[in-house]
Amino acid sequence: MSKSFTVEVNKKWCKGCGLCIAVCPKKVLELDSDVKCEPVRMEDCIGCRQCENICPDLAITVEESGQ
């Protein structure tokens, strides 16, 4: 059984720099119409936490989802 992950973005902290989008190997994240990071393919997340680690504003949290 494969693990699933939840990506949460604090939109108040996100400045839309795009670093998280650039490092995500599964292209889970995109910028929304307000130029804020948004998880659009969360089912593809492998839990590598690269987005969480690179975010200069600490706006992203990746957690393992219970199944």
N, C-alpha and C. Protein backbone atom coordinates (compact mmCIF):
# COMPACT_ATOMS: atom_id res chain seq x y z
N MET A 1 0.85 -1.18 0.00
CA MET A 1 0.00 0.00 0.00
C MET A 1 0.89 1.24 0.00
N SER A 2 0.70 2.09 -0.95
CA SER A 2 1.55 3.28 -1.06
C SER A 2 1.08 4.37 -0.09
N LYS A 3 2.02 5.19 0.31
CA LYS A 3 1.72 6.29 1.23
C LYS A 3 1.14 7.45 0.44
N SER A 4 0.32 8.24 1.11
CA SER A 4 -0.19 9.46 0.49
C SER A 4 0.18 10.63 1.40
N PHE A 5 0.27 11.80 0.80
CA PHE A 5 0.73 12.98 1.51
C PHE A 5 -0.20 14.15 1.26
N THR A 6 -0.24 15.03 2.24
CA THR A 6 -1.05 16.25 2.15
C THR A 6 -0.09 17.44 2.14
N VAL A 7 -0.27 18.31 1.16
CA VAL A 7 0.55 19.52 1.05
C VAL A 7 -0.34 20.70 1.43
N GLU A 8 0.06 21.43 2.47
CA GLU A 8 -0.70 22.59 2.89
C GLU A 8 0.14 23.85 2.67
N VAL A 9 -0.50 24.88 2.16
CA VAL A 9 0.18 26.15 1.89
C VAL A 9 -0.52 27.25 2.68
N ASN A 10 0.25 27.98 3.47
CA ASN A 10 -0.27 29.14 4.18
C ASN A 10 -0.21 30.31 3.19
N LYS A 11 -1.35 30.63 2.60
CA LYS A 11 -1.39 31.65 1.55
C LYS A 11 -1.02 33.04 2.07
N LYS A 12 -1.18 33.28 3.36
CA LYS A 12 -0.81 34.58 3.93
C LYS A 12 0.71 34.75 3.93
N TRP A 13 1.43 33.65 4.06
CA TRP A 13 2.89 33.71 4.11
C TRP A 13 3.54 33.58 2.73
N CYS A 14 2.86 32.93 1.80
CA CYS A 14 3.42 32.69 0.46
C CYS A 14 3.54 34.00 -0.31
N LYS A 15 4.73 34.23 -0.89
CA LYS A 15 4.92 35.44 -1.70
C LYS A 15 4.97 35.12 -3.19
N GLY A 16 4.75 33.86 -3.54
CA GLY A 16 4.67 33.48 -4.94
C GLY A 16 6.00 33.47 -5.67
N CYS A 17 7.08 33.13 -4.97
CA CYS A 17 8.41 33.15 -5.58
C CYS A 17 8.62 32.03 -6.60
N GLY A 18 7.87 30.93 -6.44
CA GLY A 18 7.96 29.83 -7.40
C GLY A 18 9.06 28.82 -7.16
N LEU A 19 9.85 28.99 -6.11
CA LEU A 19 10.93 28.03 -5.84
C LEU A 19 10.38 26.63 -5.62
N CYS A 20 9.28 26.52 -4.90
CA CYS A 20 8.68 25.22 -4.62
C CYS A 20 8.24 24.52 -5.91
N ILE A 21 7.70 25.29 -6.82
CA ILE A 21 7.25 24.74 -8.09
C ILE A 21 8.44 24.22 -8.89
N ALA A 22 9.53 24.94 -8.85
CA ALA A 22 10.72 24.57 -9.60
C ALA A 22 11.36 23.28 -9.09
N VAL A 23 11.30 23.02 -7.78
CA VAL A 23 11.99 21.84 -7.23
C VAL A 23 11.11 20.60 -7.15
N CYS A 24 9.81 20.73 -7.30
CA CYS A 24 8.92 19.57 -7.16
C CYS A 24 9.11 18.60 -8.32
N PRO A 25 9.56 17.36 -8.00
CA PRO A 25 9.80 16.39 -9.08
C PRO A 25 8.52 15.85 -9.72
N LYS A 26 7.39 16.01 -9.06
CA LYS A 26 6.12 15.49 -9.56
C LYS A 26 5.16 16.58 -10.04
N LYS A 27 5.62 17.83 -10.04
CA LYS A 27 4.81 18.96 -10.52
C LYS A 27 3.46 19.04 -9.80
N VAL A 28 3.51 18.90 -8.48
CA VAL A 28 2.31 18.95 -7.65
C VAL A 28 1.79 20.38 -7.50
N LEU A 29 2.69 21.35 -7.54
CA LEU A 29 2.34 22.74 -7.23
C LEU A 29 2.29 23.63 -8.46
N GLU A 30 1.40 24.63 -8.40
CA GLU A 30 1.31 25.66 -9.42
C GLU A 30 0.96 26.97 -8.73
N LEU A 31 1.12 28.08 -9.44
CA LEU A 31 0.67 29.38 -8.92
C LEU A 31 -0.79 29.58 -9.28
N ASP A 32 -1.57 30.07 -8.33
CA ASP A 32 -2.97 30.34 -8.61
C ASP A 32 -3.14 31.75 -9.19
N SER A 33 -4.37 32.18 -9.35
CA SER A 33 -4.64 33.48 -9.97
C SER A 33 -4.16 34.65 -9.10
N ASP A 34 -3.94 34.41 -7.81
CA ASP A 34 -3.42 35.44 -6.91
C ASP A 34 -1.90 35.38 -6.79
N VAL A 35 -1.26 34.57 -7.63
CA VAL A 35 0.19 34.34 -7.64
C VAL A 35 0.65 33.80 -6.27
N LYS A 36 -0.08 32.82 -5.79
CA LYS A 36 0.26 32.10 -4.57
C LYS A 36 0.36 30.62 -4.92
N CYS A 37 1.24 29.93 -4.23
CA CYS A 37 1.42 28.50 -4.47
C CYS A 37 0.15 27.73 -4.10
N GLU A 38 -0.16 26.72 -4.92
CA GLU A 38 -1.34 25.91 -4.67
C GLU A 38 -1.07 24.47 -5.11
N PRO A 39 -1.38 23.49 -4.23
CA PRO A 39 -1.24 22.09 -4.65
C PRO A 39 -2.39 21.73 -5.59
N VAL A 40 -2.05 21.33 -6.82
CA VAL A 40 -3.08 21.01 -7.81
C VAL A 40 -3.10 19.53 -8.17
N ARG A 41 -2.05 18.81 -7.84
CA ARG A 41 -1.99 17.37 -8.10
C ARG A 41 -1.46 16.66 -6.85
N MET A 42 -2.16 16.85 -5.74
CA MET A 42 -1.69 16.32 -4.46
C MET A 42 -1.57 14.80 -4.47
N GLU A 43 -2.37 14.14 -5.28
CA GLU A 43 -2.31 12.67 -5.36
C GLU A 43 -0.98 12.18 -5.94
N ASP A 44 -0.24 13.07 -6.60
CA ASP A 44 1.06 12.72 -7.17
C ASP A 44 2.22 12.95 -6.20
N CYS A 45 1.96 13.59 -5.06
CA CYS A 45 3.03 13.92 -4.10
C CYS A 45 3.67 12.65 -3.55
N ILE A 46 5.00 12.63 -3.55
CA ILE A 46 5.76 11.47 -3.05
C ILE A 46 6.35 11.75 -1.66
N GLY A 47 6.07 12.91 -1.11
CA GLY A 47 6.52 13.24 0.24
C GLY A 47 7.99 13.53 0.37
N CYS A 48 8.61 14.01 -0.68
CA CYS A 48 10.06 14.30 -0.62
C CYS A 48 10.37 15.54 0.20
N ARG A 49 9.38 16.39 0.38
CA ARG A 49 9.48 17.62 1.19
C ARG A 49 10.46 18.66 0.63
N GLN A 50 10.81 18.54 -0.64
CA GLN A 50 11.70 19.54 -1.23
C GLN A 50 11.04 20.92 -1.23
N CYS A 51 9.74 20.97 -1.48
CA CYS A 51 9.03 22.25 -1.48
C CYS A 51 9.04 22.87 -0.09
N GLU A 52 8.81 22.04 0.91
CA GLU A 52 8.81 22.51 2.31
C GLU A 52 10.19 23.04 2.70
N ASN A 53 11.23 22.35 2.28
CA ASN A 53 12.60 22.73 2.64
C ASN A 53 13.09 23.99 1.93
N ILE A 54 12.63 24.22 0.70
CA ILE A 54 13.15 25.36 -0.06
C ILE A 54 12.36 26.64 0.18
N CYS A 55 11.17 26.54 0.73
CA CYS A 55 10.33 27.73 0.91
C CYS A 55 10.97 28.72 1.88
N PRO A 56 11.32 29.92 1.41
CA PRO A 56 11.97 30.90 2.28
C PRO A 56 11.02 31.49 3.32
N ASP A 57 9.72 31.31 3.12
CA ASP A 57 8.72 31.89 4.03
C ASP A 57 8.09 30.86 4.96
N LEU A 58 8.56 29.62 4.89
CA LEU A 58 8.02 28.52 5.72
C LEU A 58 6.52 28.38 5.56
N ALA A 59 6.04 28.60 4.33
CA ALA A 59 4.60 28.60 4.06
C ALA A 59 4.06 27.22 3.68
N ILE A 60 4.94 26.23 3.50
CA ILE A 60 4.49 24.91 3.03
C ILE A 60 4.76 23.86 4.09
N THR A 61 3.75 23.00 4.29
CA THR A 61 3.87 21.87 5.20
C THR A 61 3.45 20.62 4.45
N VAL A 62 4.27 19.59 4.52
CA VAL A 62 3.95 18.29 3.91
C VAL A 62 3.80 17.28 5.03
N GLU A 63 2.67 16.58 5.05
CA GLU A 63 2.42 15.58 6.08
C GLU A 63 1.91 14.30 5.44
N GLU A 64 2.24 13.19 6.07
CA GLU A 64 1.74 11.90 5.60
C GLU A 64 0.27 11.81 5.98
N SER A 65 -0.56 11.41 5.01
CA SER A 65 -1.99 11.28 5.25
C SER A 65 -2.30 9.88 5.74
N GLY A 66 -3.23 9.76 6.62
CA GLY A 66 -3.66 8.44 7.07
C GLY A 66 -4.56 7.78 6.06
N GLN A 67 -4.35 6.49 5.82
CA GLN A 67 -5.22 5.78 4.88
C GLN A 67 -5.69 4.50 5.48
